[in-house]
Structures are given as structure tokens and as C-alpha cells.
Amino acid sequence: MTYIVNREKFKTDLGRQLYDRLVSILDDDDFILAVLVETQGDEKKKAFLDMLDKTGMNTADEILDYLDNIYN
């Protein structure tokens, strides 16, 4: 399978950590891209990863609903 989002393209550890977390939740380019669009920059990535740890969200639907409510 060819992926649109490739882990090696991330320049920061936070980017790779977020990518790994997202793949562990749902290995789907559309899901990963949707989250990455809303979490551009290390500050947003860090806050998002902290939120995932704090809330225990672990499904794509929960995460996408959260992002939709926060950023849209």
C-alpha cells in the first residue's frame, strides 16, 4: 500500500510521535491527513498529544468530532 503521509517526511520528533499515535488508532490516510491539517506546528501537535493522553480518546470518530468542535 502506498501512503500519502509518510513518517519519514516529519522533521520533528513531535510530528513522528503524532503520526505513530494516529496510525495506532486508525491506519488511514484520510484520517491522518484530517488531523494533521488541524494540528500544524509543534505547539498544536504537543497540545493535541497531551489532550489524547489526558482524555484517553482512542477512536477516530472521537478525535474527528473533537477537532471539528474545537477548530470549526
PDB file of N, CA and C in Angstrom:
ATOM      1  N   MET A   1       0.850  -1.182   0.000  1.00  0.00           N
ATOM      2  CA  MET A   1       0.000   0.000   0.000  1.00  0.00           C
ATOM      3  C   MET A   1       0.890   1.237   0.000  1.00  0.00           C
ATOM      4  N   THR A   2       0.563   2.215  -0.831  1.00  0.00           N
ATOM      5  CA  THR A   2       1.298   3.473  -0.875  1.00  0.00           C
ATOM      6  C   THR A   2       0.571   4.496  -0.025  1.00  0.00           C
ATOM      7  N   TYR A   3       1.306   5.127   0.860  1.00  0.00           N
ATOM      8  CA  TYR A   3       0.710   6.099   1.753  1.00  0.00           C
ATOM      9  C   TYR A   3       0.987   7.513   1.265  1.00  0.00           C
ATOM     10  N   ILE A   4      -0.005   8.388   1.398  1.00  0.00           N
ATOM     11  CA  ILE A   4       0.168   9.798   1.086  1.00  0.00           C
ATOM     12  C   ILE A   4       1.058  10.430   2.144  1.00  0.00           C
ATOM     13  N   VAL A   5       0.808  10.087   3.384  1.00  0.00           N
ATOM     14  CA  VAL A   5       1.567  10.624   4.506  1.00  0.00           C
ATOM     15  C   VAL A   5       2.632   9.600   4.872  1.00  0.00           C
ATOM     16  N   ASN A   6       3.877  10.017   4.829  1.00  0.00           N
ATOM     17  CA  ASN A   6       4.995   9.129   5.112  1.00  0.00           C
ATOM     18  C   ASN A   6       5.704   9.609   6.375  1.00  0.00           C
ATOM     19  N   ARG A   7       5.909   8.733   7.321  1.00  0.00           N
ATOM     20  CA  ARG A   7       6.520   9.084   8.601  1.00  0.00           C
ATOM     21  C   ARG A   7       7.864   9.774   8.437  1.00  0.00           C
ATOM     22  N   GLU A   8       8.641   9.371   7.462  1.00  0.00           N
ATOM     23  CA  GLU A   8       9.980   9.918   7.285  1.00  0.00           C
ATOM     24  C   GLU A   8       9.964  11.385   6.854  1.00  0.00           C
ATOM     25  N   LYS A   9       8.827  11.891   6.401  1.00  0.00           N
ATOM     26  CA  LYS A   9       8.744  13.291   5.980  1.00  0.00           C
ATOM     27  C   LYS A   9       8.636  14.262   7.155  1.00  0.00           C
ATOM     28  N   PHE A  10       8.356  13.744   8.345  1.00  0.00           N
ATOM     29  CA  PHE A  10       8.234  14.614   9.505  1.00  0.00           C
ATOM     30  C   PHE A  10       9.622  15.010   9.998  1.00  0.00           C
ATOM     31  N   LYS A  11       9.817  16.297  10.190  1.00  0.00           N
ATOM     32  CA  LYS A  11      11.132  16.814  10.568  1.00  0.00           C
ATOM     33  C   LYS A  11      11.340  16.855  12.076  1.00  0.00           C
ATOM     34  N   THR A  12      10.271  16.748  12.847  1.00  0.00           N
ATOM     35  CA  THR A  12      10.397  16.845  14.298  1.00  0.00           C
ATOM     36  C   THR A  12       9.943  15.551  14.969  1.00  0.00           C
ATOM     37  N   ASP A  13      10.435  15.349  16.170  1.00  0.00           N
ATOM     38  CA  ASP A  13      10.011  14.192  16.961  1.00  0.00           C
ATOM     39  C   ASP A  13       8.514  14.236  17.235  1.00  0.00           C
ATOM     40  N   LEU A  14       7.988  15.433  17.502  1.00  0.00           N
ATOM     41  CA  LEU A  14       6.555  15.542  17.774  1.00  0.00           C
ATOM     42  C   LEU A  14       5.729  15.114  16.566  1.00  0.00           C
ATOM     43  N   GLY A  15       6.174  15.479  15.400  1.00  0.00           N
ATOM     44  CA  GLY A  15       5.468  15.063  14.192  1.00  0.00           C
ATOM     45  C   GLY A  15       5.454  13.554  14.047  1.00  0.00           C
ATOM     46  N   ARG A  16       6.598  12.941  14.300  1.00  0.00           N
ATOM     47  CA  ARG A  16       6.674  11.475  14.212  1.00  0.00           C
ATOM     48  C   ARG A  16       5.854  10.810  15.320  1.00  0.00           C
ATOM     49  N   GLN A  17       5.869  11.390  16.519  1.00  0.00           N
ATOM     50  CA  GLN A  17       5.066  10.843  17.614  1.00  0.00           C
ATOM     51  C   GLN A  17       3.582  10.912  17.291  1.00  0.00           C
ATOM     52  N   LEU A  18       3.157  12.051  16.762  1.00  0.00           N
ATOM     53  CA  LEU A  18       1.747  12.198  16.408  1.00  0.00           C
ATOM     54  C   LEU A  18       1.372  11.212  15.305  1.00  0.00           C
ATOM     55  N   TYR A  19       2.219  11.111  14.301  1.00  0.00           N
ATOM     56  CA  TYR A  19       1.963  10.157  13.217  1.00  0.00           C
ATOM     57  C   TYR A  19       1.818   8.739  13.769  1.00  0.00           C
ATOM     58  N   ASP A  20       2.744   8.327  14.621  1.00  0.00           N
ATOM     59  CA  ASP A  20       2.694   6.983  15.196  1.00  0.00           C
ATOM     60  C   ASP A  20       1.408   6.762  15.986  1.00  0.00           C
ATOM     61  N   ARG A  21       1.014   7.762  16.752  1.00  0.00           N
ATOM     62  CA  ARG A  21      -0.212   7.642  17.554  1.00  0.00           C
ATOM     63  C   ARG A  21      -1.423   7.508  16.646  1.00  0.00           C
ATOM     64  N   LEU A  22      -1.475   8.327  15.596  1.00  0.00           N
ATOM     65  CA  LEU A  22      -2.620   8.276  14.695  1.00  0.00           C
ATOM     66  C   LEU A  22      -2.708   6.942  13.972  1.00  0.00           C
ATOM     67  N   VAL A  23      -1.582   6.430  13.510  1.00  0.00           N
ATOM     68  CA  VAL A  23      -1.568   5.130  12.823  1.00  0.00           C
ATOM     69  C   VAL A  23      -2.025   4.026  13.765  1.00  0.00           C
ATOM     70  N   SER A  24      -1.666   4.138  15.046  1.00  0.00           N
ATOM     71  CA  SER A  24      -2.082   3.108  16.004  1.00  0.00           C
ATOM     72  C   SER A  24      -3.589   3.155  16.255  1.00  0.00           C
ATOM     73  N   ILE A  25      -4.197   4.306  16.025  1.00  0.00           N
ATOM     74  CA  ILE A  25      -5.640   4.450  16.201  1.00  0.00           C
ATOM     75  C   ILE A  25      -6.375   3.996  14.949  1.00  0.00           C
ATOM     76  N   LEU A  26      -5.934   4.499  13.790  1.00  0.00           N
ATOM     77  CA  LEU A  26      -6.547   4.116  12.523  1.00  0.00           C
ATOM     78  C   LEU A  26      -5.542   4.373  11.412  1.00  0.00           C
ATOM     79  N   ASP A  27      -5.099   3.325  10.778  1.00  0.00           N
ATOM     80  CA  ASP A  27      -4.094   3.418   9.712  1.00  0.00           C
ATOM     81  C   ASP A  27      -4.803   3.762   8.405  1.00  0.00           C
ATOM     82  N   ASP A  28      -5.165   5.045   8.279  1.00  0.00           N
ATOM     83  CA  ASP A  28      -5.930   5.520   7.136  1.00  0.00           C
ATOM     84  C   ASP A  28      -5.465   6.922   6.771  1.00  0.00           C
ATOM     85  N   ASP A  29      -5.059   7.109   5.516  1.00  0.00           N
ATOM     86  CA  ASP A  29      -4.535   8.406   5.084  1.00  0.00           C
ATOM     87  C   ASP A  29      -5.516   9.549   5.312  1.00  0.00           C
ATOM     88  N   ASP A  30      -6.789   9.334   5.020  1.00  0.00           N
ATOM     89  CA  ASP A  30      -7.771  10.411   5.185  1.00  0.00           C
ATOM     90  C   ASP A  30      -7.859  10.859   6.641  1.00  0.00           C
ATOM     91  N   PHE A  31      -7.872   9.919   7.555  1.00  0.00           N
ATOM     92  CA  PHE A  31      -7.911  10.249   8.982  1.00  0.00           C
ATOM     93  C   PHE A  31      -6.648  10.994   9.387  1.00  0.00           C
ATOM     94  N   ILE A  32      -5.502  10.471   9.015  1.00  0.00           N
ATOM     95  CA  ILE A  32      -4.222  11.094   9.391  1.00  0.00           C
ATOM     96  C   ILE A  32      -4.133  12.503   8.820  1.00  0.00           C
ATOM     97  N   LEU A  33      -4.483  12.668   7.553  1.00  0.00           N
ATOM     98  CA  LEU A  33      -4.440  13.993   6.933  1.00  0.00           C
ATOM     99  C   LEU A  33      -5.397  14.968   7.613  1.00  0.00           C
ATOM    100  N   ALA A  34      -6.573  14.520   7.959  1.00  0.00           N
ATOM    101  CA  ALA A  34      -7.551  15.388   8.615  1.00  0.00           C
ATOM    102  C   ALA A  34      -7.004  15.920   9.932  1.00  0.00           C
ATOM    103  N   VAL A  35      -6.361  15.062  10.696  1.00  0.00           N
ATOM    104  CA  VAL A  35      -5.783  15.500  11.974  1.00  0.00           C
ATOM    105  C   VAL A  35      -4.595  16.412  11.733  1.00  0.00           C
ATOM    106  N   LEU A  36      -3.730  16.072  10.794  1.00  0.00           N
ATOM    107  CA  LEU A  36      -2.537  16.878  10.539  1.00  0.00           C
ATOM    108  C   LEU A  36      -2.879  18.281  10.056  1.00  0.00           C
ATOM    109  N   VAL A  37      -3.945  18.414   9.285  1.00  0.00           N
ATOM    110  CA  VAL A  37      -4.358  19.737   8.815  1.00  0.00           C
ATOM    111  C   VAL A  37      -4.697  20.636  10.003  1.00  0.00           C
ATOM    112  N   GLU A  38      -5.321  20.067  11.013  1.00  0.00           N
ATOM    113  CA  GLU A  38      -5.735  20.843  12.182  1.00  0.00           C
ATOM    114  C   GLU A  38      -4.637  21.013  13.230  1.00  0.00           C
ATOM    115  N   THR A  39      -3.565  20.267  13.120  1.00  0.00           N
ATOM    116  CA  THR A  39      -2.520  20.320  14.154  1.00  0.00           C
ATOM    117  C   THR A  39      -1.172  20.708  13.551  1.00  0.00           C
ATOM    118  N   GLN A  40      -1.177  21.712  12.716  1.00  0.00           N
ATOM    119  CA  GLN A  40       0.067  22.159  12.101  1.00  0.00           C
ATOM    120  C   GLN A  40       0.893  22.932  13.115  1.00  0.00           C
ATOM    121  N   GLY A  41       2.175  22.639  13.141  1.00  0.00           N
ATOM    122  CA  GLY A  41       3.091  23.283  14.076  1.00  0.00           C
ATOM    123  C   GLY A  41       3.270  22.447  15.327  1.00  0.00           C
ATOM    124  N   ASP A  42       4.477  22.499  15.863  1.00  0.00           N
ATOM    125  CA  ASP A  42       4.776  21.672  17.040  1.00  0.00           C
ATOM    126  C   ASP A  42       3.938  22.041  18.260  1.00  0.00           C
ATOM    127  N   GLU A  43       3.571  23.300  18.405  1.00  0.00           N
ATOM    128  CA  GLU A  43       2.770  23.700  19.562  1.00  0.00           C
ATOM    129  C   GLU A  43       1.401  23.015  19.545  1.00  0.00           C
ATOM    130  N   LYS A  44       0.753  23.012  18.398  1.00  0.00           N
ATOM    131  CA  LYS A  44      -0.552  22.335  18.284  1.00  0.00           C
ATOM    132  C   LYS A  44      -0.403  20.821  18.390  1.00  0.00           C
ATOM    133  N   LYS A  45       0.666  20.278  17.828  1.00  0.00           N
ATOM    134  CA  LYS A  45       0.889  18.828  17.924  1.00  0.00           C
ATOM    135  C   LYS A  45       1.057  18.411  19.375  1.00  0.00           C
ATOM    136  N   LYS A  46       1.862  19.180  20.128  1.00  0.00           N
ATOM    137  CA  LYS A  46       2.110  18.879  21.540  1.00  0.00           C
ATOM    138  C   LYS A  46       0.802  18.960  22.330  1.00  0.00           C
ATOM    139  N   ALA A  47       0.031  20.018  22.111  1.00  0.00           N
ATOM    140  CA  ALA A  47      -1.236  20.181  22.823  1.00  0.00           C
ATOM    141  C   ALA A  47      -2.196  19.039  22.484  1.00  0.00           C
ATOM    142  N   PHE A  48      -2.211  18.629  21.230  1.00  0.00           N
ATOM    143  CA  PHE A  48      -3.093  17.546  20.816  1.00  0.00           C
ATOM    144  C   PHE A  48      -2.679  16.220  21.447  1.00  0.00           C
ATOM    145  N   LEU A  49      -1.389  15.914  21.427  1.00  0.00           N
ATOM    146  CA  LEU A  49      -0.904  14.683  22.055  1.00  0.00           C
ATOM    147  C   LEU A  49      -1.197  14.687  23.554  1.00  0.00           C
ATOM    148  N   ASP A  50      -1.003  15.835  24.211  1.00  0.00           N
ATOM    149  CA  ASP A  50      -1.320  15.946  25.644  1.00  0.00           C
ATOM    150  C   ASP A  50      -2.800  15.700  25.893  1.00  0.00           C
ATOM    151  N   MET A  51      -3.651  16.252  25.021  1.00  0.00           N
ATOM    152  CA  MET A  51      -5.081  16.058  25.161  1.00  0.00           C
ATOM    153  C   MET A  51      -5.443  14.578  25.002  1.00  0.00           C
ATOM    154  N   LEU A  52      -4.824  13.904  24.028  1.00  0.00           N
ATOM    155  CA  LEU A  52      -5.093  12.476  23.857  1.00  0.00           C
ATOM    156  C   LEU A  52      -4.709  11.696  25.104  1.00  0.00           C
ATOM    157  N   ASP A  53      -3.554  12.024  25.680  1.00  0.00           N
ATOM    158  CA  ASP A  53      -3.117  11.342  26.902  1.00  0.00           C
ATOM    159  C   ASP A  53      -4.068  11.619  28.058  1.00  0.00           C
ATOM    160  N   LYS A  54      -4.492  12.866  28.185  1.00  0.00           N
ATOM    161  CA  LYS A  54      -5.338  13.268  29.305  1.00  0.00           C
ATOM    162  C   LYS A  54      -6.743  12.667  29.208  1.00  0.00           C
ATOM    163  N   THR A  55      -7.314  12.673  28.022  1.00  0.00           N
ATOM    164  CA  THR A  55      -8.704  12.229  27.874  1.00  0.00           C
ATOM    165  C   THR A  55      -8.844  10.745  27.590  1.00  0.00           C
ATOM    166  N   GLY A  56      -7.792  10.148  27.062  1.00  0.00           N
ATOM    167  CA  GLY A  56      -7.875   8.740  26.704  1.00  0.00           C
ATOM    168  C   GLY A  56      -8.644   8.486  25.423  1.00  0.00           C
ATOM    169  N   MET A  57      -8.888   9.525  24.632  1.00  0.00           N
ATOM    170  CA  MET A  57      -9.568   9.311  23.345  1.00  0.00           C
ATOM    171  C   MET A  57      -8.754   8.328  22.526  1.00  0.00           C
ATOM    172  N   ASN A  58      -9.445   7.349  21.965  1.00  0.00           N
ATOM    173  CA  ASN A  58      -8.698   6.361  21.204  1.00  0.00           C
ATOM    174  C   ASN A  58      -9.442   5.830  19.985  1.00  0.00           C
ATOM    175  N   THR A  59     -10.443   6.578  19.538  1.00  0.00           N
ATOM    176  CA  THR A  59     -11.108   6.193  18.294  1.00  0.00           C
ATOM    177  C   THR A  59     -11.061   7.368  17.328  1.00  0.00           C
ATOM    178  N   ALA A  60     -11.063   7.046  16.060  1.00  0.00           N
ATOM    179  CA  ALA A  60     -11.027   8.085  15.030  1.00  0.00           C
ATOM    180  C   ALA A  60     -12.253   8.991  15.135  1.00  0.00           C
ATOM    181  N   ASP A  61     -13.412   8.425  15.390  1.00  0.00           N
ATOM    182  CA  ASP A  61     -14.630   9.232  15.487  1.00  0.00           C
ATOM    183  C   ASP A  61     -14.548  10.244  16.620  1.00  0.00           C
ATOM    184  N   GLU A  62     -14.074   9.816  17.783  1.00  0.00           N
ATOM    185  CA  GLU A  62     -13.916  10.736  18.914  1.00  0.00           C
ATOM    186  C   GLU A  62     -12.969  11.881  18.562  1.00  0.00           C
ATOM    187  N   ILE A  63     -11.861  11.533  17.952  1.00  0.00           N
ATOM    188  CA  ILE A  63     -10.844  12.523  17.623  1.00  0.00           C
ATOM    189  C   ILE A  63     -11.355  13.505  16.572  1.00  0.00           C
ATOM    190  N   LEU A  64     -11.987  13.007  15.529  1.00  0.00           N
ATOM    191  CA  LEU A  64     -12.501  13.893  14.488  1.00  0.00           C
ATOM    192  C   LEU A  64     -13.628  14.790  15.014  1.00  0.00           C
ATOM    193  N   ASP A  65     -14.479  14.267  15.873  1.00  0.00           N
ATOM    194  CA  ASP A  65     -15.523  15.081  16.492  1.00  0.00           C
ATOM    195  C   ASP A  65     -14.899  16.183  17.352  1.00  0.00           C
ATOM    196  N   TYR A  66     -13.907  15.828  18.133  1.00  0.00           N
ATOM    197  CA  TYR A  66     -13.212  16.811  18.966  1.00  0.00           C
ATOM    198  C   TYR A  66     -12.620  17.931  18.116  1.00  0.00           C
ATOM    199  N   LEU A  67     -11.901  17.558  17.069  1.00  0.00           N
ATOM    200  CA  LEU A  67     -11.273  18.570  16.211  1.00  0.00           C
ATOM    201  C   LEU A  67     -12.311  19.430  15.519  1.00  0.00           C
ATOM    202  N   ASP A  68     -13.405  18.828  15.100  1.00  0.00           N
ATOM    203  CA  ASP A  68     -14.470  19.584  14.452  1.00  0.00           C
ATOM    204  C   ASP A  68     -15.050  20.615  15.412  1.00  0.00           C
ATOM    205  N   ASN A  69     -15.243  20.243  16.660  1.00  0.00           N
ATOM    206  CA  ASN A  69     -15.796  21.163  17.660  1.00  0.00           C
ATOM    207  C   ASN A  69     -14.827  22.267  18.048  1.00  0.00           C
ATOM    208  N   ILE A  70     -13.540  21.964  18.079  1.00  0.00           N
ATOM    209  CA  ILE A  70     -12.547  22.937  18.504  1.00  0.00           C
ATOM    210  C   ILE A  70     -12.194  23.917  17.389  1.00  0.00           C
ATOM    211  N   TYR A  71     -11.958  23.418  16.210  1.00  0.00           N
ATOM    212  CA  TYR A  71     -11.400  24.255  15.146  1.00  0.00           C
ATOM    213  C   TYR A  71     -12.403  24.709  14.096  1.00  0.00           C
ATOM    214  N   ASN A  72     -13.615  24.239  14.145  1.00  0.00           N
ATOM    215  CA  ASN A  72     -14.582  24.647  13.109  1.00  0.00           C
ATOM    216  C   ASN A  72     -15.823  25.239  13.705  1.00  0.00           C
TER     217      ASN A  72
END
